[in-house]
PDB file of N, CA and C in Angstrom:
ATOM      1  N   MET A   1     -25.425  19.644 -12.194  1.00  0.00           N
ATOM      2  CA  MET A   1     -25.287  19.022 -10.890  1.00  0.00           C
ATOM      3  C   MET A   1     -24.883  17.559 -11.070  1.00  0.00           C
ATOM      4  N   TYR A   2     -24.035  17.120 -10.200  1.00  0.00           N
ATOM      5  CA  TYR A   2     -23.617  15.720 -10.171  1.00  0.00           C
ATOM      6  C   TYR A   2     -24.349  15.025  -9.029  1.00  0.00           C
ATOM      7  N   ASN A   3     -24.877  13.837  -9.303  1.00  0.00           N
ATOM      8  CA  ASN A   3     -25.531  13.035  -8.276  1.00  0.00           C
ATOM      9  C   ASN A   3     -24.562  11.957  -7.816  1.00  0.00           C
ATOM     10  N   TYR A   4     -24.316  11.938  -6.530  1.00  0.00           N
ATOM     11  CA  TYR A   4     -23.435  10.943  -5.931  1.00  0.00           C
ATOM     12  C   TYR A   4     -24.237  10.061  -4.992  1.00  0.00           C
ATOM     13  N   TYR A   5     -23.885   8.791  -4.972  1.00  0.00           N
ATOM     14  CA  TYR A   5     -24.481   7.818  -4.064  1.00  0.00           C
ATOM     15  C   TYR A   5     -23.337   7.235  -3.243  1.00  0.00           C
ATOM     16  N   PHE A   6     -23.623   6.879  -2.007  1.00  0.00           N
ATOM     17  CA  PHE A   6     -22.534   6.390  -1.169  1.00  0.00           C
ATOM     18  C   PHE A   6     -22.995   5.321  -0.187  1.00  0.00           C
ATOM     19  N   ALA A   7     -22.021   4.525   0.228  1.00  0.00           N
ATOM     20  CA  ALA A   7     -22.160   3.580   1.329  1.00  0.00           C
ATOM     21  C   ALA A   7     -21.062   3.959   2.307  1.00  0.00           C
ATOM     22  N   ILE A   8     -21.422   4.143   3.579  1.00  0.00           N
ATOM     23  CA  ILE A   8     -20.470   4.642   4.563  1.00  0.00           C
ATOM     24  C   ILE A   8     -20.549   3.829   5.846  1.00  0.00           C
ATOM     25  N   ALA A   9     -19.409   3.687   6.498  1.00  0.00           N
ATOM     26  CA  ALA A   9     -19.318   2.978   7.781  1.00  0.00           C
ATOM     27  C   ALA A   9     -18.025   3.423   8.457  1.00  0.00           C
ATOM     28  N   SER A  10     -17.761   2.866   9.620  1.00  0.00           N
ATOM     29  CA  SER A  10     -16.496   3.181  10.281  1.00  0.00           C
ATOM     30  C   SER A  10     -15.353   2.599   9.446  1.00  0.00           C
ATOM     31  N   GLN A  11     -14.209   3.258   9.490  1.00  0.00           N
ATOM     32  CA  GLN A  11     -13.040   2.758   8.744  1.00  0.00           C
ATOM     33  C   GLN A  11     -12.687   1.346   9.188  1.00  0.00           C
ATOM     34  N   ASN A  12     -12.705   1.114  10.477  1.00  0.00           N
ATOM     35  CA  ASN A  12     -12.346  -0.200  10.998  1.00  0.00           C
ATOM     36  C   ASN A  12     -13.234  -1.280  10.394  1.00  0.00           C
ATOM     37  N   PHE A  13     -14.528  -1.057  10.411  1.00  0.00           N
ATOM     38  CA  PHE A  13     -15.451  -2.060   9.873  1.00  0.00           C
ATOM     39  C   PHE A  13     -15.267  -2.236   8.373  1.00  0.00           C
ATOM     40  N   LEU A  14     -15.309  -1.154   7.649  1.00  0.00           N
ATOM     41  CA  LEU A  14     -15.307  -1.242   6.191  1.00  0.00           C
ATOM     42  C   LEU A  14     -13.994  -1.745   5.626  1.00  0.00           C
ATOM     43  N   ILE A  15     -12.897  -1.322   6.211  1.00  0.00           N
ATOM     44  CA  ILE A  15     -11.598  -1.673   5.641  1.00  0.00           C
ATOM     45  C   ILE A  15     -11.005  -2.947   6.245  1.00  0.00           C
ATOM     46  N   LYS A  16     -11.192  -3.150   7.539  1.00  0.00           N
ATOM     47  CA  LYS A  16     -10.547  -4.287   8.188  1.00  0.00           C
ATOM     48  C   LYS A  16     -11.445  -5.514   8.354  1.00  0.00           C
ATOM     49  N   GLU A  17     -12.737  -5.301   8.578  1.00  0.00           N
ATOM     50  CA  GLU A  17     -13.621  -6.431   8.863  1.00  0.00           C
ATOM     51  C   GLU A  17     -14.333  -6.976   7.635  1.00  0.00           C
ATOM     52  N   GLU A  18     -14.420  -6.212   6.589  1.00  0.00           N
ATOM     53  CA  GLU A  18     -15.104  -6.634   5.370  1.00  0.00           C
ATOM     54  C   GLU A  18     -14.083  -6.879   4.257  1.00  0.00           C
ATOM     55  N   PRO A  19     -14.420  -7.739   3.305  1.00  0.00           N
ATOM     56  CA  PRO A  19     -13.493  -8.012   2.187  1.00  0.00           C
ATOM     57  C   PRO A  19     -13.556  -6.920   1.116  1.00  0.00           C
ATOM     58  N   LEU A  20     -13.429  -5.673   1.542  1.00  0.00           N
ATOM     59  CA  LEU A  20     -13.605  -4.537   0.641  1.00  0.00           C
ATOM     60  C   LEU A  20     -12.615  -4.544  -0.518  1.00  0.00           C
ATOM     61  N   GLU A  21     -11.373  -4.851  -0.231  1.00  0.00           N
ATOM     62  CA  GLU A  21     -10.363  -4.862  -1.293  1.00  0.00           C
ATOM     63  C   GLU A  21     -10.771  -5.840  -2.397  1.00  0.00           C
ATOM     64  N   GLU A  22     -11.211  -7.009  -2.007  1.00  0.00           N
ATOM     65  CA  GLU A  22     -11.643  -8.017  -2.972  1.00  0.00           C
ATOM     66  C   GLU A  22     -12.857  -7.534  -3.773  1.00  0.00           C
ATOM     67  N   ILE A  23     -13.826  -6.942  -3.094  1.00  0.00           N
ATOM     68  CA  ILE A  23     -15.034  -6.441  -3.753  1.00  0.00           C
ATOM     69  C   ILE A  23     -14.675  -5.384  -4.792  1.00  0.00           C
ATOM     70  N   LEU A  24     -13.831  -4.430  -4.414  1.00  0.00           N
ATOM     71  CA  LEU A  24     -13.461  -3.357  -5.336  1.00  0.00           C
ATOM     72  C   LEU A  24     -12.585  -3.869  -6.478  1.00  0.00           C
ATOM     73  N   ARG A  25     -11.734  -4.839  -6.190  1.00  0.00           N
ATOM     74  CA  ARG A  25     -10.905  -5.432  -7.240  1.00  0.00           C
ATOM     75  C   ARG A  25     -11.789  -6.142  -8.271  1.00  0.00           C
ATOM     76  N   GLU A  26     -12.772  -6.910  -7.784  1.00  0.00           N
ATOM     77  CA  GLU A  26     -13.694  -7.597  -8.696  1.00  0.00           C
ATOM     78  C   GLU A  26     -14.490  -6.598  -9.531  1.00  0.00           C
ATOM     79  N   ARG A  27     -14.934  -5.528  -8.891  1.00  0.00           N
ATOM     80  CA  ARG A  27     -15.721  -4.518  -9.604  1.00  0.00           C
ATOM     81  C   ARG A  27     -14.866  -3.817 -10.656  1.00  0.00           C
ATOM     82  N   THR A  28     -13.617  -3.526 -10.325  1.00  0.00           N
ATOM     83  CA  THR A  28     -12.700  -2.901 -11.279  1.00  0.00           C
ATOM     84  C   THR A  28     -12.468  -3.820 -12.474  1.00  0.00           C
ATOM     85  N   SER A  29     -12.278  -5.096 -12.223  1.00  0.00           N
ATOM     86  CA  SER A  29     -12.083  -6.064 -13.314  1.00  0.00           C
ATOM     87  C   SER A  29     -13.314  -6.126 -14.206  1.00  0.00           C
ATOM     88  N   TYR A  30     -14.483  -6.115 -13.591  1.00  0.00           N
ATOM     89  CA  TYR A  30     -15.732  -6.128 -14.364  1.00  0.00           C
ATOM     90  C   TYR A  30     -15.832  -4.889 -15.248  1.00  0.00           C
ATOM     91  N   TYR A  31     -15.533  -3.730 -14.688  1.00  0.00           N
ATOM     92  CA  TYR A  31     -15.593  -2.486 -15.470  1.00  0.00           C
ATOM     93  C   TYR A  31     -14.626  -2.549 -16.643  1.00  0.00           C
ATOM     94  N   LYS A  32     -13.417  -3.045 -16.400  1.00  0.00           N
ATOM     95  CA  LYS A  32     -12.430  -3.135 -17.485  1.00  0.00           C
ATOM     96  C   LYS A  32     -12.894  -4.086 -18.569  1.00  0.00           C
ATOM     97  N   SER A  33     -13.478  -5.211 -18.178  1.00  0.00           N
ATOM     98  CA  SER A  33     -13.930  -6.198 -19.169  1.00  0.00           C
ATOM     99  C   SER A  33     -15.107  -5.701 -19.995  1.00  0.00           C
ATOM    100  N   THR A  34     -15.858  -4.737 -19.468  1.00  0.00           N
ATOM    101  CA  THR A  34     -16.999  -4.181 -20.195  1.00  0.00           C
ATOM    102  C   THR A  34     -16.709  -2.784 -20.752  1.00  0.00           C
ATOM    103  N   ASN A  35     -15.436  -2.377 -20.687  1.00  0.00           N
ATOM    104  CA  ASN A  35     -15.004  -1.059 -21.181  1.00  0.00           C
ATOM    105  C   ASN A  35     -15.764   0.093 -20.542  1.00  0.00           C
ATOM    106  N   LYS A  36     -16.051  -0.036 -19.273  1.00  0.00           N
ATOM    107  CA  LYS A  36     -16.742   1.014 -18.538  1.00  0.00           C
ATOM    108  C   LYS A  36     -15.725   1.791 -17.699  1.00  0.00           C
ATOM    109  N   ASP A  37     -15.852   3.103 -17.690  1.00  0.00           N
ATOM    110  CA  ASP A  37     -14.966   3.928 -16.874  1.00  0.00           C
ATOM    111  C   ASP A  37     -15.261   3.707 -15.395  1.00  0.00           C
ATOM    112  N   ILE A  38     -14.218   3.732 -14.585  1.00  0.00           N
ATOM    113  CA  ILE A  38     -14.375   3.604 -13.138  1.00  0.00           C
ATOM    114  C   ILE A  38     -15.159   4.813 -12.639  1.00  0.00           C
ATOM    115  N   ASP A  39     -16.244   4.557 -11.935  1.00  0.00           N
ATOM    116  CA  ASP A  39     -17.090   5.642 -11.427  1.00  0.00           C
ATOM    117  C   ASP A  39     -17.351   5.493  -9.933  1.00  0.00           C
ATOM    118  N   PHE A  40     -16.366   4.931  -9.244  1.00  0.00           N
ATOM    119  CA  PHE A  40     -16.484   4.796  -7.794  1.00  0.00           C
ATOM    120  C   PHE A  40     -15.138   5.059  -7.151  1.00  0.00           C
ATOM    121  N   TRP A  41     -15.198   5.505  -5.892  1.00  0.00           N
ATOM    122  CA  TRP A  41     -13.997   5.870  -5.156  1.00  0.00           C
ATOM    123  C   TRP A  41     -14.142   5.433  -3.709  1.00  0.00           C
ATOM    124  N   LEU A  42     -13.029   5.089  -3.106  1.00  0.00           N
ATOM    125  CA  LEU A  42     -12.960   4.868  -1.661  1.00  0.00           C
ATOM    126  C   LEU A  42     -12.466   6.176  -1.059  1.00  0.00           C
ATOM    127  N   VAL A  43     -13.245   6.740  -0.142  1.00  0.00           N
ATOM    128  CA  VAL A  43     -12.905   8.027   0.458  1.00  0.00           C
ATOM    129  C   VAL A  43     -12.828   7.848   1.971  1.00  0.00           C
ATOM    130  N   LEU A  44     -11.687   8.192   2.542  1.00  0.00           N
ATOM    131  CA  LEU A  44     -11.519   8.140   3.995  1.00  0.00           C
ATOM    132  C   LEU A  44     -11.925   9.479   4.596  1.00  0.00           C
ATOM    133  N   ASN A  45     -12.654   9.431   5.689  1.00  0.00           N
ATOM    134  CA  ASN A  45     -13.144  10.634   6.379  1.00  0.00           C
ATOM    135  C   ASN A  45     -13.748  11.648   5.397  1.00  0.00           C
ATOM    136  N   PRO A  46     -14.772  11.242   4.677  1.00  0.00           N
ATOM    137  CA  PRO A  46     -15.335  12.126   3.649  1.00  0.00           C
ATOM    138  C   PRO A  46     -15.935  13.401   4.229  1.00  0.00           C
ATOM    139  N   SER A  47     -15.644  14.514   3.602  1.00  0.00           N
ATOM    140  CA  SER A  47     -16.163  15.795   4.085  1.00  0.00           C
ATOM    141  C   SER A  47     -17.629  16.006   3.699  1.00  0.00           C
ATOM    142  N   PHE A  48     -18.105  15.305   2.663  1.00  0.00           N
ATOM    143  CA  PHE A  48     -19.503  15.496   2.259  1.00  0.00           C
ATOM    144  C   PHE A  48     -20.480  15.106   3.366  1.00  0.00           C
ATOM    145  N   ILE A  49     -20.041  14.277   4.288  1.00  0.00           N
ATOM    146  CA  ILE A  49     -20.930  13.842   5.370  1.00  0.00           C
ATOM    147  C   ILE A  49     -21.287  14.997   6.302  1.00  0.00           C
ATOM    148  N   ASN A  50     -20.573  16.111   6.201  1.00  0.00           N
ATOM    149  CA  ASN A  50     -20.860  17.292   7.017  1.00  0.00           C
ATOM    150  C   ASN A  50     -21.962  18.166   6.426  1.00  0.00           C
ATOM    151  N   LYS A  51     -22.497  17.790   5.272  1.00  0.00           N
ATOM    152  CA  LYS A  51     -23.604  18.552   4.689  1.00  0.00           C
ATOM    153  C   LYS A  51     -24.806  18.460   5.640  1.00  0.00           C
ATOM    154  N   PRO A  52     -25.506  19.554   5.845  1.00  0.00           N
ATOM    155  CA  PRO A  52     -26.648  19.549   6.772  1.00  0.00           C
ATOM    156  C   PRO A  52     -27.686  18.464   6.480  1.00  0.00           C
ATOM    157  N   GLU A  53     -27.917  18.177   5.212  1.00  0.00           N
ATOM    158  CA  GLU A  53     -28.916  17.170   4.864  1.00  0.00           C
ATOM    159  C   GLU A  53     -28.487  15.742   5.204  1.00  0.00           C
ATOM    160  N   LEU A  54     -27.208  15.554   5.538  1.00  0.00           N
ATOM    161  CA  LEU A  54     -26.709  14.225   5.894  1.00  0.00           C
ATOM    162  C   LEU A  54     -26.465  14.077   7.394  1.00  0.00           C
ATOM    163  N   TYR A  55     -26.955  15.018   8.185  1.00  0.00           N
ATOM    164  CA  TYR A  55     -26.734  14.995   9.631  1.00  0.00           C
ATOM    165  C   TYR A  55     -27.205  13.690  10.269  1.00  0.00           C
ATOM    166  N   ALA A  56     -28.345  13.181   9.866  1.00  0.00           N
ATOM    167  CA  ALA A  56     -28.885  11.951  10.452  1.00  0.00           C
ATOM    168  C   ALA A  56     -27.946  10.766  10.237  1.00  0.00           C
ATOM    169  N   ILE A  57     -27.286  10.733   9.093  1.00  0.00           N
ATOM    170  CA  ILE A  57     -26.325   9.657   8.824  1.00  0.00           C
ATOM    171  C   ILE A  57     -25.038   9.902   9.601  1.00  0.00           C
ATOM    172  N   LYS A  58     -24.575  11.146   9.617  1.00  0.00           N
ATOM    173  CA  LYS A  58     -23.317  11.469  10.295  1.00  0.00           C
ATOM    174  C   LYS A  58     -23.351  11.088  11.771  1.00  0.00           C
ATOM    175  N   LYS A  59     -24.457  11.328  12.434  1.00  0.00           N
ATOM    176  CA  LYS A  59     -24.508  11.047  13.871  1.00  0.00           C
ATOM    177  C   LYS A  59     -24.525   9.549  14.173  1.00  0.00           C
ATOM    178  N   GLN A  60     -24.694   8.709  13.151  1.00  0.00           N
ATOM    179  CA  GLN A  60     -24.705   7.259  13.345  1.00  0.00           C
ATOM    180  C   GLN A  60     -23.355   6.593  13.098  1.00  0.00           C
ATOM    181  N   ILE A  61     -22.381   7.356  12.616  1.00  0.00           N
ATOM    182  CA  ILE A  61     -21.097   6.748  12.290  1.00  0.00           C
ATOM    183  C   ILE A  61     -19.981   7.304  13.173  1.00  0.00           C
ATOM    184  N   ALA A  62     -18.895   6.561  13.227  1.00  0.00           N
ATOM    185  CA  ALA A  62     -17.734   6.972  14.015  1.00  0.00           C
ATOM    186  C   ALA A  62     -17.029   8.141  13.332  1.00  0.00           C
ATOM    187  N   ASN A  63     -16.195   8.820  14.097  1.00  0.00           N
ATOM    188  CA  ASN A  63     -15.418   9.935  13.535  1.00  0.00           C
ATOM    189  C   ASN A  63     -14.510   9.480  12.404  1.00  0.00           C
ATOM    190  N   GLU A  64     -13.925   8.320  12.549  1.00  0.00           N
ATOM    191  CA  GLU A  64     -13.056   7.761  11.515  1.00  0.00           C
ATOM    192  C   GLU A  64     -13.920   6.925  10.583  1.00  0.00           C
ATOM    193  N   SER A  65     -14.395   7.530   9.500  1.00  0.00           N
ATOM    194  CA  SER A  65     -15.290   6.821   8.593  1.00  0.00           C
ATOM    195  C   SER A  65     -14.630   6.607   7.242  1.00  0.00           C
ATOM    196  N   ALA A  66     -15.237   5.725   6.477  1.00  0.00           N
ATOM    197  CA  ALA A  66     -14.814   5.470   5.104  1.00  0.00           C
ATOM    198  C   ALA A  66     -16.076   5.288   4.277  1.00  0.00           C
ATOM    199  N   ALA A  67     -16.014   5.734   3.038  1.00  0.00           N
ATOM    200  CA  ALA A  67     -17.173   5.642   2.163  1.00  0.00           C
ATOM    201  C   ALA A  67     -16.758   5.181   0.770  1.00  0.00           C
ATOM    202  N   ILE A  68     -17.642   4.429   0.157  1.00  0.00           N
ATOM    203  CA  ILE A  68     -17.539   4.143  -1.269  1.00  0.00           C
ATOM    204  C   ILE A  68     -18.527   5.100  -1.914  1.00  0.00           C
ATOM    205  N   VAL A  69     -18.047   5.903  -2.834  1.00  0.00           N
ATOM    206  CA  VAL A  69     -18.871   6.915  -3.499  1.00  0.00           C
ATOM    207  C   VAL A  69     -18.914   6.569  -4.983  1.00  0.00           C
ATOM    208  N   SER A  70     -20.091   6.723  -5.584  1.00  0.00           N
ATOM    209  CA  SER A  70     -20.249   6.372  -6.993  1.00  0.00           C
ATOM    210  C   SER A  70     -21.328   7.223  -7.640  1.00  0.00           C
ATOM    211  N   PHE A  71     -21.277   7.282  -8.963  1.00  0.00           N
ATOM    212  CA  PHE A  71     -22.373   7.872  -9.726  1.00  0.00           C
ATOM    213  C   PHE A  71     -23.490   6.843  -9.929  1.00  0.00           C
ATOM    214  N   ASP A  72     -23.169   5.585  -9.692  1.00  0.00           N
ATOM    215  CA  ASP A  72     -24.057   4.467 -10.003  1.00  0.00           C
ATOM    216  C   ASP A  72     -24.871   4.037  -8.775  1.00  0.00           C
ATOM    217  N   LYS A  73     -26.135   4.418  -8.751  1.00  0.00           N
ATOM    218  CA  LYS A  73     -27.015   4.097  -7.625  1.00  0.00           C
ATOM    219  C   LYS A  73     -27.157   2.586  -7.441  1.00  0.00           C
ATOM    220  N   LYS A  74     -27.243   1.842  -8.541  1.00  0.00           N
ATOM    221  CA  LYS A  74     -27.410   0.389  -8.442  1.00  0.00           C
ATOM    222  C   LYS A  74     -26.190  -0.282  -7.821  1.00  0.00           C
ATOM    223  N   PHE A  75     -25.009   0.237  -8.106  1.00  0.00           N
ATOM    224  CA  PHE A  75     -23.797  -0.317  -7.501  1.00  0.00           C
ATOM    225  C   PHE A  75     -23.835  -0.137  -5.989  1.00  0.00           C
ATOM    226  N   ILE A  76     -24.233   1.023  -5.526  1.00  0.00           N
ATOM    227  CA  ILE A  76     -24.307   1.275  -4.081  1.00  0.00           C
ATOM    228  C   ILE A  76     -25.395   0.403  -3.453  1.00  0.00           C
ATOM    229  N   GLN A  77     -26.515   0.208  -4.126  1.00  0.00           N
ATOM    230  CA  GLN A  77     -27.556  -0.688  -3.616  1.00  0.00           C
ATOM    231  C   GLN A  77     -27.038  -2.115  -3.521  1.00  0.00           C
ATOM    232  N   TRP A  78     -26.302  -2.555  -4.525  1.00  0.00           N
ATOM    233  CA  TRP A  78     -25.704  -3.882  -4.511  1.00  0.00           C
ATOM    234  C   TRP A  78     -24.700  -3.998  -3.363  1.00  0.00           C
ATOM    235  N   LEU A  79     -23.905  -2.954  -3.169  1.00  0.00           N
ATOM    236  CA  LEU A  79     -22.920  -2.942  -2.091  1.00  0.00           C
ATOM    237  C   LEU A  79     -23.612  -3.058  -0.733  1.00  0.00           C
ATOM    238  N   LYS A  80     -24.733  -2.391  -0.561  1.00  0.00           N
ATOM    239  CA  LYS A  80     -25.506  -2.468   0.682  1.00  0.00           C
ATOM    240  C   LYS A  80     -25.970  -3.903   0.940  1.00  0.00           C
ATOM    241  N   LEU A  81     -26.344  -4.611  -0.106  1.00  0.00           N
ATOM    242  CA  LEU A  81     -26.740  -6.015   0.045  1.00  0.00           C
ATOM    243  C   LEU A  81     -25.544  -6.893   0.389  1.00  0.00           C
ATOM    244  N   ARG A  82     -24.407  -6.577  -0.190  1.00  0.00           N
ATOM    245  CA  ARG A  82     -23.182  -7.374   0.036  1.00  0.00           C
ATOM    246  C   ARG A  82     -22.575  -7.106   1.401  1.00  0.00           C
ATOM    247  N   ILE A  83     -22.574  -5.839   1.819  1.00  0.00           N
ATOM    248  CA  ILE A  83     -22.034  -5.431   3.121  1.00  0.00           C
ATOM    249  C   ILE A  83     -23.196  -4.790   3.880  1.00  0.00           C
ATOM    250  N   SER A  84     -23.940  -5.578   4.585  1.00  0.00           N
ATOM    251  CA  SER A  84     -25.213  -5.099   5.127  1.00  0.00           C
ATOM    252  C   SER A  84     -25.093  -4.017   6.200  1.00  0.00           C
ATOM    253  N   PHE A  85     -24.000  -3.956   6.922  1.00  0.00           N
ATOM    254  CA  PHE A  85     -23.893  -2.985   8.016  1.00  0.00           C
ATOM    255  C   PHE A  85     -23.244  -1.676   7.585  1.00  0.00           C
ATOM    256  N   VAL A  86     -23.722  -1.126   6.494  1.00  0.00           N
ATOM    257  CA  VAL A  86     -23.299   0.194   6.033  1.00  0.00           C
ATOM    258  C   VAL A  86     -24.542   1.065   5.919  1.00  0.00           C
ATOM    259  N   LEU A  87     -24.332   2.352   6.002  1.00  0.00           N
ATOM    260  CA  LEU A  87     -25.410   3.309   5.772  1.00  0.00           C
ATOM    261  C   LEU A  87     -25.266   3.814   4.347  1.00  0.00           C
ATOM    262  N   THR A  88     -26.374   4.053   3.695  1.00  0.00           N
ATOM    263  CA  THR A  88     -26.320   4.556   2.328  1.00  0.00           C
ATOM    264  C   THR A  88     -27.082   5.867   2.225  1.00  0.00           C
ATOM    265  N   GLY A  89     -26.728   6.617   1.214  1.00  0.00           N
ATOM    266  CA  GLY A  89     -27.395   7.888   0.988  1.00  0.00           C
ATOM    267  C   GLY A  89     -26.935   8.475  -0.326  1.00  0.00           C
ATOM    268  N   ASN A  90     -27.318   9.708  -0.530  1.00  0.00           N
ATOM    269  CA  ASN A  90     -26.904  10.391  -1.739  1.00  0.00           C
ATOM    270  C   ASN A  90     -26.823  11.891  -1.475  1.00  0.00           C
ATOM    271  N   PHE A  91     -26.120  12.566  -2.349  1.00  0.00           N
ATOM    272  CA  PHE A  91     -26.021  14.022  -2.283  1.00  0.00           C
ATOM    273  C   PHE A  91     -25.741  14.550  -3.676  1.00  0.00           C
ATOM    274  N   GLN A  92     -25.965  15.827  -3.845  1.00  0.00           N
ATOM    275  CA  GLN A  92     -25.680  16.486  -5.109  1.00  0.00           C
ATOM    276  C   GLN A  92     -24.592  17.523  -4.901  1.00  0.00           C
ATOM    277  N   SER A  93     -23.837  17.741  -5.957  1.00  0.00           N
ATOM    278  CA  SER A  93     -22.793  18.751  -5.920  1.00  0.00           C
ATOM    279  C   SER A  93     -22.651  19.360  -7.308  1.00  0.00           C
ATOM    280  N   LYS A  94     -22.310  20.633  -7.330  1.00  0.00           N
ATOM    281  CA  LYS A  94     -22.029  21.294  -8.605  1.00  0.00           C
ATOM    282  C   LYS A  94     -20.684  20.845  -9.165  1.00  0.00           C
ATOM    283  N   TYR A  95     -19.882  20.240  -8.307  1.00  0.00           N
ATOM    284  CA  TYR A  95     -18.506  19.911  -8.661  1.00  0.00           C
ATOM    285  C   TYR A  95     -18.279  18.408  -8.673  1.00  0.00           C
ATOM    286  N   LEU A  96     -17.334  17.998  -9.492  1.00  0.00           N
ATOM    287  CA  LEU A  96     -16.891  16.618  -9.454  1.00  0.00           C
ATOM    288  C   LEU A  96     -16.190  16.382  -8.124  1.00  0.00           C
ATOM    289  N   LEU A  97     -16.328  15.196  -7.613  1.00  0.00           N
ATOM    290  CA  LEU A  97     -15.688  14.830  -6.364  1.00  0.00           C
ATOM    291  C   LEU A  97     -14.191  15.002  -6.493  1.00  0.00           C
ATOM    292  N   LYS A  98     -13.608  15.698  -5.537  1.00  0.00           N
ATOM    293  CA  LYS A  98     -12.170  15.918  -5.538  1.00  0.00           C
ATOM    294  C   LYS A  98     -11.535  14.961  -4.546  1.00  0.00           C
ATOM    295  N   ILE A  99     -10.660  14.122  -5.032  1.00  0.00           N
ATOM    296  CA  ILE A  99      -9.955  13.166  -4.190  1.00  0.00           C
ATOM    297  C   ILE A  99      -8.549  13.702  -3.989  1.00  0.00           C
ATOM    298  N   GLU A 100      -8.201  13.910  -2.728  1.00  0.00           N
ATOM    299  CA  GLU A 100      -6.870  14.410  -2.420  1.00  0.00           C
ATOM    300  C   GLU A 100      -5.997  13.284  -1.937  1.00  0.00           C
ATOM    301  N   ASN A 101      -4.796  13.198  -2.458  1.00  0.00           N
ATOM    302  CA  ASN A 101      -3.830  12.203  -2.022  1.00  0.00           C
ATOM    303  C   ASN A 101      -2.899  12.847  -1.012  1.00  0.00           C
ATOM    304  N   ASP A 102      -2.658  12.130   0.084  1.00  0.00           N
ATOM    305  CA  ASP A 102      -1.749  12.659   1.107  1.00  0.00           C
ATOM    306  C   ASP A 102      -0.323  12.473   0.699  1.00  0.00           C
TER     307      ASP A 102
END
């Protein structure tokens, strides 16, 4: 099983109102400087939010959502401190997260 942690909010808030690009760029640079593999993704309208155990979070967000998903719980906790108006949670999956490009 894979454990995923996430921070989620409306797309408008997360992408347009917060300095998300800068945050992710800094985090990517840090990972490269420490030879750590990238273990986070930006996911638009994530389907995992439809899991029954995440219903309480889903009903609090807009239909157009965006999430930062990671294997690293501490990174998501740090992100919550940096961008306070996000919801956080976690889920498990037998599969690696599949990111589809349009």
